[in-house]
């Protein structure tokens, strides 16, 4: 199945599940979920993963709408679906990923690293201090191509840094990202969405691969 874009029905379903997060409503609208949200997201995921087929060690994950009720009572359903390309690791949140998410407000996609362990962050700082030119070139190229900066949640008191060019990165704590948001409209209701997301992923691939060096 080729990705043909989402549709206004997709948006209707997403807002519907936000306002009616119960089994009765979902049962009556399950066909809309599968047809307008789940199947298009799976198709998009397959297109996004094509460049990674010859890159060993990468996994493609597509979420489903059902929540683990042991962890998220009382709402049985998520209000979004996501696609994640990442390494084969125990816990995704400690490792870099390229992601796409669709929710009632629109779509978001890009690079994300939520919470790298403290020891890995220290390893990262040591690495960029030892070879600053490599990392600075990767970031500069990615930000120029993507047209937006990498951002992160910052330490209240940044770590000491002797190199002014690296000071920004020594202040990084967690939630490192470079993401695009698109409201719903012609752009998301079109197969061209897949090409835009793939292009953004390509711009950020060197950043993603750099951070895979510090996988946990």
N, C-alpha and C. Protein backbone atom coordinates (compact mmCIF):
# COMPACT_ATOMS: atom_id res chain seq x y z
N UNK A 1 0.85 -1.20 0.00
CA UNK A 1 0.00 0.00 0.00
C UNK A 1 0.88 1.25 0.00
N UNK A 2 0.69 2.09 -1.00
CA UNK A 2 1.46 3.34 -1.08
C UNK A 2 0.79 4.41 -0.21
N UNK A 3 1.60 5.30 0.31
CA UNK A 3 1.06 6.39 1.12
C UNK A 3 0.42 7.43 0.20
N UNK A 4 -0.86 7.73 0.46
CA UNK A 4 -1.60 8.68 -0.36
C UNK A 4 -1.92 9.96 0.39
N UNK A 5 -1.38 10.11 1.59
CA UNK A 5 -1.70 11.27 2.40
C UNK A 5 -2.80 10.96 3.39
N UNK A 6 -2.91 11.80 4.40
CA UNK A 6 -4.03 11.69 5.32
C UNK A 6 -5.23 12.42 4.74
N UNK A 7 -6.30 12.53 5.50
CA UNK A 7 -7.53 13.14 4.98
C UNK A 7 -8.26 13.87 6.09
N UNK A 8 -9.26 14.69 5.74
CA UNK A 8 -10.07 15.32 6.79
C UNK A 8 -10.70 14.29 7.72
N UNK A 9 -10.99 13.09 7.22
CA UNK A 9 -11.54 12.04 8.08
C UNK A 9 -10.54 11.65 9.17
N UNK A 10 -9.26 11.69 8.83
CA UNK A 10 -8.23 11.39 9.82
C UNK A 10 -8.32 12.39 10.98
N UNK A 11 -8.46 13.64 10.63
CA UNK A 11 -8.55 14.69 11.64
C UNK A 11 -9.81 14.50 12.49
N UNK A 12 -10.90 14.18 11.82
CA UNK A 12 -12.16 13.96 12.54
C UNK A 12 -11.99 12.83 13.56
N UNK A 13 -11.33 11.75 13.14
CA UNK A 13 -11.15 10.64 14.07
C UNK A 13 -10.27 11.05 15.25
N UNK A 14 -9.17 11.75 14.99
CA UNK A 14 -8.26 12.14 16.07
C UNK A 14 -8.94 13.03 17.09
N UNK A 15 -9.73 13.99 16.62
CA UNK A 15 -10.45 14.83 17.57
C UNK A 15 -11.55 14.03 18.27
N UNK A 16 -12.12 13.07 17.54
CA UNK A 16 -13.16 12.24 18.14
C UNK A 16 -12.63 11.42 19.30
N UNK A 17 -11.45 10.82 19.13
CA UNK A 17 -10.91 9.98 20.20
C UNK A 17 -10.44 10.85 21.37
N UNK A 18 -10.04 12.08 21.09
CA UNK A 18 -9.68 12.98 22.19
C UNK A 18 -10.92 13.32 23.03
N UNK A 19 -12.02 13.55 22.37
CA UNK A 19 -13.24 13.97 23.08
C UNK A 19 -14.05 12.78 23.60
N UNK A 20 -13.79 11.59 23.07
CA UNK A 20 -14.60 10.41 23.43
C UNK A 20 -13.70 9.20 23.65
N UNK A 21 -12.80 9.33 24.63
CA UNK A 21 -11.81 8.28 24.84
C UNK A 21 -12.43 7.14 25.67
N UNK A 22 -13.25 6.33 24.97
CA UNK A 22 -13.90 5.20 25.63
C UNK A 22 -14.11 4.08 24.61
N UNK A 23 -14.32 2.89 25.10
CA UNK A 23 -14.41 1.72 24.24
C UNK A 23 -15.64 1.74 23.34
N UNK A 24 -16.73 2.30 23.83
CA UNK A 24 -17.96 2.32 23.04
C UNK A 24 -17.78 3.19 21.80
N UNK A 25 -17.22 4.40 21.98
CA UNK A 25 -17.01 5.28 20.83
C UNK A 25 -16.01 4.66 19.85
N UNK A 26 -14.92 4.11 20.39
CA UNK A 26 -13.91 3.54 19.51
C UNK A 26 -14.47 2.36 18.71
N UNK A 27 -15.24 1.50 19.34
CA UNK A 27 -15.81 0.35 18.64
C UNK A 27 -16.67 0.81 17.45
N UNK A 28 -17.39 1.91 17.64
CA UNK A 28 -18.24 2.41 16.56
C UNK A 28 -17.44 3.09 15.45
N UNK A 29 -16.19 3.45 15.74
CA UNK A 29 -15.37 4.17 14.76
C UNK A 29 -14.07 3.44 14.43
N UNK A 30 -14.01 2.15 14.75
CA UNK A 30 -12.76 1.41 14.52
C UNK A 30 -12.41 1.35 13.04
N UNK A 31 -13.40 1.24 12.19
CA UNK A 31 -13.11 1.21 10.75
C UNK A 31 -12.43 2.50 10.31
N UNK A 32 -12.89 3.63 10.82
CA UNK A 32 -12.26 4.91 10.47
C UNK A 32 -10.83 4.96 10.98
N UNK A 33 -10.58 4.43 12.18
CA UNK A 33 -9.22 4.37 12.72
C UNK A 33 -8.29 3.60 11.79
N UNK A 34 -8.71 2.39 11.41
CA UNK A 34 -7.87 1.55 10.56
C UNK A 34 -7.67 2.18 9.18
N UNK A 35 -8.76 2.64 8.59
CA UNK A 35 -8.72 3.10 7.20
C UNK A 35 -8.07 4.47 7.03
N UNK A 36 -8.32 5.39 7.97
CA UNK A 36 -7.86 6.77 7.77
C UNK A 36 -6.62 7.14 8.58
N UNK A 37 -6.28 6.31 9.57
CA UNK A 37 -5.14 6.66 10.43
C UNK A 37 -4.08 5.56 10.47
N UNK A 38 -4.47 4.36 10.87
CA UNK A 38 -3.47 3.31 11.07
C UNK A 38 -2.84 2.84 9.76
N UNK A 39 -3.65 2.51 8.78
CA UNK A 39 -3.10 2.01 7.52
C UNK A 39 -2.27 3.08 6.79
N UNK A 40 -2.72 4.34 6.71
CA UNK A 40 -1.86 5.37 6.10
C UNK A 40 -0.54 5.57 6.86
N UNK A 41 -0.58 5.48 8.19
CA UNK A 41 0.65 5.65 8.96
C UNK A 41 1.61 4.50 8.69
N UNK A 42 1.11 3.28 8.59
CA UNK A 42 1.97 2.14 8.24
C UNK A 42 2.58 2.32 6.86
N UNK A 43 1.78 2.79 5.91
CA UNK A 43 2.29 3.01 4.56
C UNK A 43 3.36 4.09 4.55
N UNK A 44 3.13 5.16 5.28
CA UNK A 44 4.13 6.23 5.39
C UNK A 44 5.42 5.69 6.01
N UNK A 45 5.29 4.88 7.04
CA UNK A 45 6.46 4.32 7.71
C UNK A 45 7.32 3.50 6.74
N UNK A 46 6.69 2.71 5.92
CA UNK A 46 7.45 1.89 4.97
C UNK A 46 8.22 2.77 3.98
N UNK A 47 7.62 3.86 3.55
CA UNK A 47 8.33 4.76 2.63
C UNK A 47 9.50 5.46 3.34
N UNK A 48 9.30 5.85 4.59
CA UNK A 48 10.35 6.54 5.32
C UNK A 48 11.54 5.63 5.61
N UNK A 49 11.28 4.33 5.71
CA UNK A 49 12.34 3.41 6.11
C UNK A 49 13.18 2.93 4.92
N UNK A 50 12.76 3.21 3.70
CA UNK A 50 13.50 2.72 2.52
C UNK A 50 14.99 3.07 2.58
N UNK A 51 15.39 4.31 2.90
CA UNK A 51 16.82 4.62 2.93
C UNK A 51 17.60 3.86 4.01
N UNK A 52 16.89 3.24 4.96
CA UNK A 52 17.56 2.56 6.07
C UNK A 52 17.67 1.05 5.85
N UNK A 53 17.13 0.57 4.73
CA UNK A 53 17.15 -0.86 4.49
C UNK A 53 18.57 -1.40 4.36
N UNK A 54 19.49 -0.56 3.87
CA UNK A 54 20.88 -1.00 3.74
C UNK A 54 21.77 -0.43 4.83
N UNK A 55 21.15 0.00 5.93
CA UNK A 55 21.90 0.51 7.09
C UNK A 55 21.64 -0.41 8.27
N UNK A 56 22.52 -1.37 8.51
CA UNK A 56 22.27 -2.37 9.56
C UNK A 56 22.10 -1.73 10.93
N UNK A 57 21.27 -2.39 11.74
CA UNK A 57 21.11 -1.96 13.13
C UNK A 57 19.95 -1.04 13.39
N UNK A 58 19.24 -0.62 12.34
CA UNK A 58 18.11 0.28 12.52
C UNK A 58 16.79 -0.48 12.49
N UNK A 59 15.89 -0.07 13.35
CA UNK A 59 14.56 -0.68 13.44
C UNK A 59 13.50 0.34 13.07
N UNK A 60 12.39 -0.17 12.53
CA UNK A 60 11.22 0.65 12.25
C UNK A 60 10.11 0.25 13.20
N UNK A 61 9.58 1.21 13.95
CA UNK A 61 8.49 0.95 14.87
C UNK A 61 7.31 1.86 14.52
N UNK A 62 6.11 1.27 14.51
CA UNK A 62 4.88 2.02 14.29
C UNK A 62 3.97 1.75 15.49
N UNK A 63 3.56 2.80 16.15
CA UNK A 63 2.72 2.61 17.34
C UNK A 63 1.29 2.24 16.93
N UNK A 64 0.56 1.77 17.91
CA UNK A 64 -0.87 1.57 17.74
C UNK A 64 -1.59 2.44 18.77
N UNK A 65 -2.87 2.50 18.66
CA UNK A 65 -3.63 3.45 19.47
C UNK A 65 -3.97 2.93 20.85
N UNK A 66 -3.81 1.63 21.06
CA UNK A 66 -4.22 1.04 22.33
C UNK A 66 -3.19 1.31 23.42
N UNK A 67 -3.64 1.77 24.57
CA UNK A 67 -2.77 2.01 25.71
C UNK A 67 -2.61 0.74 26.54
N UNK A 68 -1.48 0.67 27.25
CA UNK A 68 -1.30 -0.34 28.28
C UNK A 68 -2.05 0.14 29.52
N UNK A 69 -3.15 -0.48 29.82
CA UNK A 69 -4.01 0.01 30.90
C UNK A 69 -3.37 -0.15 32.28
N UNK A 70 -2.29 -0.94 32.37
CA UNK A 70 -1.58 -1.02 33.64
C UNK A 70 -0.83 0.27 33.93
N UNK A 71 -0.53 1.05 32.86
CA UNK A 71 0.27 2.25 33.01
C UNK A 71 -0.51 3.53 32.79
N UNK A 72 -1.62 3.46 32.05
CA UNK A 72 -2.31 4.68 31.66
C UNK A 72 -3.82 4.63 31.93
N UNK A 73 -4.27 4.19 33.07
CA UNK A 73 -5.71 4.30 33.32
C UNK A 73 -6.06 5.76 33.54
N UNK A 74 -7.30 6.22 33.27
CA UNK A 74 -8.41 5.39 32.82
C UNK A 74 -8.65 5.45 31.31
N UNK A 75 -7.83 6.21 30.54
CA UNK A 75 -8.08 6.34 29.10
C UNK A 75 -7.51 5.13 28.36
N UNK A 76 -8.34 4.40 27.62
CA UNK A 76 -7.85 3.18 26.95
C UNK A 76 -7.11 3.44 25.64
N UNK A 77 -7.16 4.68 25.10
CA UNK A 77 -6.58 4.93 23.79
C UNK A 77 -5.66 6.15 23.80
N UNK A 78 -4.63 6.10 22.97
CA UNK A 78 -3.77 7.25 22.76
C UNK A 78 -4.48 8.26 21.87
N UNK A 79 -3.97 9.47 21.86
CA UNK A 79 -4.54 10.52 21.00
C UNK A 79 -3.62 10.82 19.82
N UNK A 80 -2.66 9.93 19.58
CA UNK A 80 -1.73 10.13 18.48
C UNK A 80 -1.18 8.79 18.04
N UNK A 81 -0.58 8.77 16.86
CA UNK A 81 0.22 7.64 16.40
C UNK A 81 1.59 8.16 16.04
N UNK A 82 2.60 7.31 16.17
CA UNK A 82 3.95 7.74 15.82
C UNK A 82 4.70 6.66 15.07
N UNK A 83 5.69 7.11 14.33
CA UNK A 83 6.65 6.25 13.63
C UNK A 83 8.01 6.56 14.24
N UNK A 84 8.82 5.54 14.48
CA UNK A 84 10.13 5.75 15.07
C UNK A 84 11.16 4.89 14.34
N UNK A 85 12.25 5.50 13.90
CA UNK A 85 13.39 4.79 13.35
C UNK A 85 14.52 4.93 14.37
N UNK A 86 15.00 3.81 14.87
CA UNK A 86 16.00 3.86 15.94
C UNK A 86 16.86 2.61 15.90
N UNK A 87 17.85 2.58 16.78
CA UNK A 87 18.70 1.42 16.94
C UNK A 87 17.96 0.34 17.76
N UNK A 88 18.46 -0.89 17.67
CA UNK A 88 17.89 -2.00 18.43
C UNK A 88 18.43 -1.91 19.85
N UNK A 89 17.70 -1.20 20.70
CA UNK A 89 18.15 -0.92 22.07
C UNK A 89 17.03 -1.28 23.05
N UNK A 90 17.41 -1.37 24.33
CA UNK A 90 16.46 -1.80 25.35
C UNK A 90 15.36 -0.76 25.57
N UNK A 91 15.74 0.53 25.62
CA UNK A 91 14.74 1.57 25.89
C UNK A 91 14.98 2.74 24.95
N UNK A 92 14.01 2.99 24.09
CA UNK A 92 14.17 3.99 23.03
C UNK A 92 14.46 5.37 23.60
N UNK A 93 13.89 5.71 24.76
CA UNK A 93 13.94 7.09 25.26
C UNK A 93 15.36 7.53 25.62
N UNK A 94 16.26 6.59 25.83
CA UNK A 94 17.64 6.93 26.16
C UNK A 94 18.53 7.02 24.92
N UNK A 95 17.94 6.86 23.75
CA UNK A 95 18.71 6.75 22.52
C UNK A 95 18.11 7.62 21.42
N UNK A 96 18.91 8.00 20.43
CA UNK A 96 18.41 8.89 19.38
C UNK A 96 17.42 8.19 18.46
N UNK A 97 16.52 8.97 17.90
CA UNK A 97 15.58 8.42 16.93
C UNK A 97 15.20 9.50 15.93
N UNK A 98 14.72 9.05 14.79
CA UNK A 98 14.04 9.89 13.82
C UNK A 98 12.57 9.52 13.91
N UNK A 99 11.70 10.50 14.05
CA UNK A 99 10.31 10.17 14.36
C UNK A 99 9.33 11.00 13.53
N UNK A 100 8.12 10.47 13.46
CA UNK A 100 6.98 11.18 12.90
C UNK A 100 5.81 10.92 13.83
N UNK A 101 5.05 11.97 14.15
CA UNK A 101 3.87 11.81 15.01
C UNK A 101 2.71 12.59 14.41
N UNK A 102 1.53 11.98 14.47
CA UNK A 102 0.31 12.65 14.05
C UNK A 102 -0.64 12.70 15.24
N UNK A 103 -1.22 13.88 15.48
CA UNK A 103 -2.11 14.08 16.62
C UNK A 103 -3.18 15.09 16.20
N UNK A 104 -4.14 15.42 17.06
CA UNK A 104 -5.22 16.31 16.62
C UNK A 104 -4.76 17.69 16.15
N UNK A 105 -3.57 18.14 16.57
CA UNK A 105 -3.09 19.46 16.17
C UNK A 105 -2.34 19.47 14.84
N UNK A 106 -1.99 18.30 14.31
CA UNK A 106 -1.23 18.25 13.07
C UNK A 106 -0.19 17.15 13.12
N UNK A 107 0.95 17.38 12.43
CA UNK A 107 2.01 16.38 12.42
C UNK A 107 3.32 17.04 12.84
N UNK A 108 4.19 16.24 13.47
CA UNK A 108 5.52 16.68 13.88
C UNK A 108 6.50 15.60 13.45
N UNK A 109 7.69 16.01 13.02
CA UNK A 109 8.67 15.01 12.62
C UNK A 109 10.08 15.60 12.69
N UNK A 110 11.05 14.69 12.89
CA UNK A 110 12.43 15.14 12.96
C UNK A 110 13.28 14.21 13.79
N UNK A 111 14.31 14.80 14.41
CA UNK A 111 15.24 14.08 15.28
C UNK A 111 14.87 14.33 16.72
N UNK A 112 15.01 13.28 17.56
CA UNK A 112 14.69 13.46 18.98
C UNK A 112 15.53 12.53 19.82
N UNK A 113 16.04 13.04 20.91
CA UNK A 113 16.74 12.25 21.92
C UNK A 113 16.24 12.75 23.26
N UNK A 114 15.41 11.94 23.91
CA UNK A 114 14.71 12.43 25.09
C UNK A 114 15.62 12.55 26.31
N UNK A 115 16.21 11.44 26.74
CA UNK A 115 16.90 11.50 28.03
C UNK A 115 18.10 10.55 28.02
N UNK A 116 19.21 11.02 27.45
CA UNK A 116 20.41 10.21 27.45
C UNK A 116 20.95 10.11 28.88
N UNK A 117 21.35 8.92 29.33
CA UNK A 117 21.85 8.77 30.71
C UNK A 117 23.01 9.71 30.99
N UNK A 118 23.17 10.06 32.25
CA UNK A 118 24.20 11.03 32.65
C UNK A 118 25.58 10.62 32.17
N UNK A 119 25.91 9.33 32.30
CA UNK A 119 27.23 8.87 31.88
C UNK A 119 27.44 9.02 30.38
N UNK A 120 26.38 8.79 29.62
CA UNK A 120 26.48 8.94 28.16
C UNK A 120 26.60 10.42 27.76
N UNK A 121 25.92 11.30 28.49
CA UNK A 121 26.05 12.72 28.21
C UNK A 121 27.47 13.20 28.49
N UNK A 122 28.07 12.67 29.54
CA UNK A 122 29.45 13.04 29.83
C UNK A 122 30.38 12.50 28.74
N UNK A 123 30.10 11.31 28.25
CA UNK A 123 30.88 10.75 27.14
C UNK A 123 30.74 11.61 25.89
N UNK A 124 29.53 12.10 25.66
CA UNK A 124 29.28 13.00 24.52
C UNK A 124 30.09 14.27 24.67
N UNK A 125 30.09 14.88 25.84
CA UNK A 125 30.84 16.12 26.04
C UNK A 125 32.34 15.90 25.84
N UNK A 126 32.83 14.79 26.32
CA UNK A 126 34.25 14.49 26.15
C UNK A 126 34.59 14.29 24.67
N UNK A 127 33.67 13.66 23.95
CA UNK A 127 33.90 13.41 22.53
C UNK A 127 33.96 14.70 21.72
N UNK A 128 33.02 15.62 21.96
CA UNK A 128 33.02 16.85 21.17
C UNK A 128 34.17 17.77 21.59
N UNK A 129 34.60 17.67 22.86
CA UNK A 129 35.75 18.46 23.30
C UNK A 129 37.03 17.96 22.64
N UNK A 130 37.12 16.64 22.44
CA UNK A 130 38.32 16.07 21.83
C UNK A 130 38.38 16.29 20.33
N UNK A 131 37.19 16.30 19.67
CA UNK A 131 37.14 16.46 18.21
C UNK A 131 36.04 17.46 17.86
N UNK A 132 36.22 18.70 18.23
CA UNK A 132 35.13 19.69 18.03
C UNK A 132 34.79 19.93 16.56
N UNK A 133 35.78 19.92 15.68
CA UNK A 133 35.53 20.26 14.27
C UNK A 133 34.52 19.30 13.65
N UNK A 134 34.65 18.02 13.97
CA UNK A 134 33.74 17.02 13.39
C UNK A 134 32.30 17.31 13.79
N UNK A 135 32.06 17.47 15.08
CA UNK A 135 30.69 17.68 15.55
C UNK A 135 30.13 19.02 15.09
N UNK A 136 30.92 20.07 15.16
CA UNK A 136 30.44 21.38 14.74
C UNK A 136 30.08 21.39 13.26
N UNK A 137 30.84 20.67 12.45
CA UNK A 137 30.53 20.60 11.01
C UNK A 137 29.23 19.85 10.78
N UNK A 138 29.02 18.77 11.52
CA UNK A 138 27.78 17.99 11.38
C UNK A 138 26.57 18.85 11.75
N UNK A 139 26.65 19.54 12.87
CA UNK A 139 25.53 20.37 13.33
C UNK A 139 25.27 21.53 12.37
N UNK A 140 26.34 22.19 11.93
CA UNK A 140 26.17 23.34 11.03
C UNK A 140 25.51 22.91 9.73
N UNK A 141 25.93 21.79 9.17
CA UNK A 141 25.36 21.31 7.92
C UNK A 141 23.89 20.92 8.11
N UNK A 142 23.59 20.24 9.21
CA UNK A 142 22.22 19.81 9.46
C UNK A 142 21.29 20.99 9.67
N UNK A 143 21.73 21.97 10.45
CA UNK A 143 20.88 23.14 10.72
C UNK A 143 20.68 23.97 9.46
N UNK A 144 21.71 24.08 8.64
CA UNK A 144 21.57 24.84 7.39
C UNK A 144 20.60 24.14 6.44
N UNK A 145 20.72 22.82 6.33
CA UNK A 145 19.86 22.08 5.41
C UNK A 145 18.42 22.05 5.91
N UNK A 146 18.23 21.85 7.21
CA UNK A 146 16.88 21.77 7.77
C UNK A 146 16.23 23.15 7.89
N UNK A 147 17.05 24.19 8.01
CA UNK A 147 16.52 25.55 8.16
C UNK A 147 16.06 25.88 9.56
N UNK A 148 16.34 25.01 10.52
CA UNK A 148 15.98 25.24 11.92
C UNK A 148 17.11 24.71 12.80
N UNK A 149 17.25 25.25 14.01
CA UNK A 149 18.35 24.82 14.87
C UNK A 149 18.02 23.56 15.66
N UNK A 150 19.04 22.88 16.12
CA UNK A 150 18.87 21.86 17.14
C UNK A 150 18.64 22.57 18.46
N UNK A 151 17.71 22.07 19.24
CA UNK A 151 17.41 22.67 20.53
C UNK A 151 17.44 21.58 21.61
N UNK A 152 17.44 22.01 22.86
CA UNK A 152 17.45 21.06 23.97
C UNK A 152 16.99 21.75 25.24
N UNK A 153 16.56 20.94 26.18
CA UNK A 153 16.35 21.45 27.54
C UNK A 153 17.74 21.67 28.14
N UNK A 154 17.93 22.79 28.82
CA UNK A 154 19.26 23.19 29.27
C UNK A 154 19.43 23.04 30.78
N UNK A 155 20.66 22.80 31.18
CA UNK A 155 20.99 22.85 32.60
C UNK A 155 20.83 24.28 33.12
N UNK A 156 20.37 24.41 34.33
CA UNK A 156 20.30 25.73 34.95
C UNK A 156 21.70 26.31 35.11
N UNK A 157 22.66 25.43 35.40
CA UNK A 157 24.06 25.82 35.49
C UNK A 157 24.84 24.99 34.48
N UNK A 158 25.13 25.53 33.31
CA UNK A 158 25.82 24.75 32.26
C UNK A 158 27.14 24.17 32.74
N UNK A 159 27.49 23.03 32.15
CA UNK A 159 28.76 22.40 32.46
C UNK A 159 29.90 23.29 31.96
N UNK A 160 31.03 23.32 32.69
CA UNK A 160 32.18 24.14 32.26
C UNK A 160 32.67 23.72 30.87
N UNK A 161 33.03 24.72 30.07
CA UNK A 161 33.50 24.45 28.70
C UNK A 161 34.57 25.48 28.34
N UNK A 162 35.72 24.99 27.90
CA UNK A 162 36.83 25.88 27.54
C UNK A 162 36.73 26.40 26.12
N UNK A 163 35.89 25.78 25.30
CA UNK A 163 35.77 26.15 23.89
C UNK A 163 34.45 26.90 23.69
N UNK A 164 34.48 28.20 23.41
CA UNK A 164 33.23 28.97 23.25
C UNK A 164 32.31 28.39 22.17
N UNK A 165 32.88 27.79 21.15
CA UNK A 165 32.07 27.23 20.07
C UNK A 165 31.24 26.04 20.54
N UNK A 166 31.66 25.41 21.64
CA UNK A 166 30.96 24.24 22.16
C UNK A 166 30.10 24.55 23.37
N UNK A 167 30.15 25.78 23.87
CA UNK A 167 29.45 26.11 25.11
C UNK A 167 27.96 25.80 25.03
N UNK A 168 27.37 26.07 23.89
CA UNK A 168 25.94 25.80 23.70
C UNK A 168 25.61 24.32 23.95
N UNK A 169 26.48 23.43 23.51
CA UNK A 169 26.21 22.01 23.62
C UNK A 169 26.52 21.47 25.01
N UNK A 170 27.43 22.11 25.72
CA UNK A 170 27.71 21.71 27.09
C UNK A 170 26.53 22.07 28.00
N UNK A 171 25.68 22.97 27.57
CA UNK A 171 24.49 23.34 28.35
C UNK A 171 23.34 22.37 28.13
N UNK A 172 23.44 21.50 27.11
CA UNK A 172 22.36 20.55 26.84
C UNK A 172 22.18 19.57 27.99
N UNK A 173 20.93 19.33 28.36
CA UNK A 173 20.61 18.38 29.42
C UNK A 173 19.85 17.18 28.87
N UNK A 174 18.72 17.43 28.20
CA UNK A 174 17.90 16.36 27.63
C UNK A 174 16.94 16.98 26.62
N UNK A 175 16.08 16.14 26.03
CA UNK A 175 15.11 16.60 25.03
C UNK A 175 15.80 17.31 23.86
N UNK A 176 16.84 16.71 23.33
CA UNK A 176 17.55 17.25 22.17
C UNK A 176 16.71 16.97 20.93
N UNK A 177 16.45 17.99 20.13
CA UNK A 177 15.55 17.76 19.00
C UNK A 177 15.80 18.75 17.87
N UNK A 178 15.30 18.38 16.71
CA UNK A 178 15.25 19.27 15.55
C UNK A 178 14.00 18.85 14.77
N UNK A 179 12.89 19.48 15.10
CA UNK A 179 11.59 19.00 14.64
C UNK A 179 10.81 20.06 13.88
N UNK A 180 9.99 19.58 12.97
CA UNK A 180 9.10 20.42 12.17
C UNK A 180 7.66 20.13 12.59
N UNK A 181 6.84 21.17 12.68
CA UNK A 181 5.40 20.99 12.91
C UNK A 181 4.65 21.48 11.67
N UNK A 182 3.64 20.72 11.26
CA UNK A 182 2.75 21.14 10.17
C UNK A 182 1.31 21.03 10.65
N UNK A 183 0.56 22.10 10.48
CA UNK A 183 -0.88 22.02 10.72
C UNK A 183 -1.52 21.19 9.60
N UNK A 184 -2.69 20.66 9.88
CA UNK A 184 -3.41 19.92 8.85
C UNK A 184 -3.83 20.86 7.72
N UNK A 185 -3.75 20.35 6.50
CA UNK A 185 -4.12 21.12 5.33
C UNK A 185 -3.71 20.38 4.08
N UNK A 186 -3.64 21.09 2.97
CA UNK A 186 -3.28 20.44 1.71
C UNK A 186 -1.99 19.66 1.81
N UNK A 187 -1.03 20.21 2.55
CA UNK A 187 0.27 19.56 2.64
C UNK A 187 0.23 18.20 3.30
N UNK A 188 -0.64 18.03 4.30
CA UNK A 188 -0.73 16.74 4.98
C UNK A 188 -1.73 15.81 4.31
N UNK A 189 -2.60 16.37 3.47
CA UNK A 189 -3.57 15.56 2.75
C UNK A 189 -3.03 15.20 1.36
N UNK A 190 -1.75 14.94 1.28
CA UNK A 190 -1.09 14.70 -0.01
C UNK A 190 0.02 13.67 0.15
N UNK A 191 0.29 12.86 -0.88
CA UNK A 191 1.42 11.93 -0.84
C UNK A 191 2.76 12.65 -0.68
N UNK A 192 2.80 13.94 -1.03
CA UNK A 192 4.05 14.69 -0.94
C UNK A 192 4.55 14.83 0.50
N UNK A 193 3.68 14.58 1.48
CA UNK A 193 4.13 14.62 2.87
C UNK A 193 5.28 13.65 3.09
N UNK A 194 5.20 12.48 2.50
CA UNK A 194 6.26 11.47 2.67
C UNK A 194 7.61 12.00 2.20
N UNK A 195 7.62 12.69 1.07
CA UNK A 195 8.88 13.23 0.54
C UNK A 195 9.44 14.30 1.45
N UNK A 196 8.58 15.14 2.03
CA UNK A 196 9.07 16.19 2.93
C UNK A 196 9.69 15.58 4.19
N UNK A 197 9.03 14.59 4.74
CA UNK A 197 9.55 13.96 5.95
C UNK A 197 10.86 13.25 5.64
N UNK A 198 10.93 12.53 4.53
CA UNK A 198 12.17 11.84 4.17
C UNK A 198 13.31 12.82 3.97
N UNK A 199 13.03 13.94 3.34
CA UNK A 199 14.08 14.95 3.13
C UNK A 199 14.58 15.49 4.46
N UNK A 200 13.66 15.76 5.37
CA UNK A 200 14.07 16.25 6.70
C UNK A 200 14.91 15.20 7.42
N UNK A 201 14.50 13.94 7.32
CA UNK A 201 15.29 12.86 7.92
C UNK A 201 16.70 12.81 7.31
N UNK A 202 16.79 12.98 6.00
CA UNK A 202 18.10 12.94 5.34
C UNK A 202 19.00 14.07 5.85
N UNK A 203 18.42 15.25 6.06
CA UNK A 203 19.21 16.37 6.58
C UNK A 203 19.77 16.05 7.97
N UNK A 204 18.99 15.31 8.75
CA UNK A 204 19.35 15.08 10.16
C UNK A 204 20.04 13.74 10.38
N UNK A 205 20.17 12.95 9.34
CA UNK A 205 20.77 11.62 9.50
C UNK A 205 22.18 11.68 10.09
N UNK A 206 23.05 12.61 9.69
CA UNK A 206 24.38 12.65 10.32
C UNK A 206 24.32 12.93 11.82
N UNK A 207 23.36 13.75 12.25
CA UNK A 207 23.20 14.02 13.68
C UNK A 207 22.75 12.75 14.39
N UNK A 208 21.75 12.09 13.82
CA UNK A 208 21.26 10.83 14.39
C UNK A 208 22.39 9.82 14.50
N UNK A 209 23.17 9.65 13.44
CA UNK A 209 24.23 8.65 13.47
C UNK A 209 25.35 9.04 14.43
N UNK A 210 25.60 10.33 14.58
CA UNK A 210 26.61 10.75 15.56
C UNK A 210 26.19 10.31 16.96
N UNK A 211 24.94 10.54 17.31
CA UNK A 211 24.49 10.22 18.66
C UNK A 211 24.35 8.72 18.89
N UNK A 212 24.25 7.92 17.83
CA UNK A 212 24.21 6.47 18.04
C UNK A 212 25.53 5.94 18.61
N UNK A 213 26.57 6.73 18.55
CA UNK A 213 27.85 6.32 19.16
C UNK A 213 27.72 6.19 20.67
N UNK A 214 26.74 6.86 21.23
CA UNK A 214 26.61 6.89 22.69
C UNK A 214 25.38 6.12 23.15
N UNK A 215 25.04 5.08 22.41
CA UNK A 215 23.85 4.28 22.72
C UNK A 215 24.02 3.59 24.06
N UNK A 216 22.89 3.39 24.74
CA UNK A 216 22.93 2.73 26.04
C UNK A 216 22.27 1.37 25.96
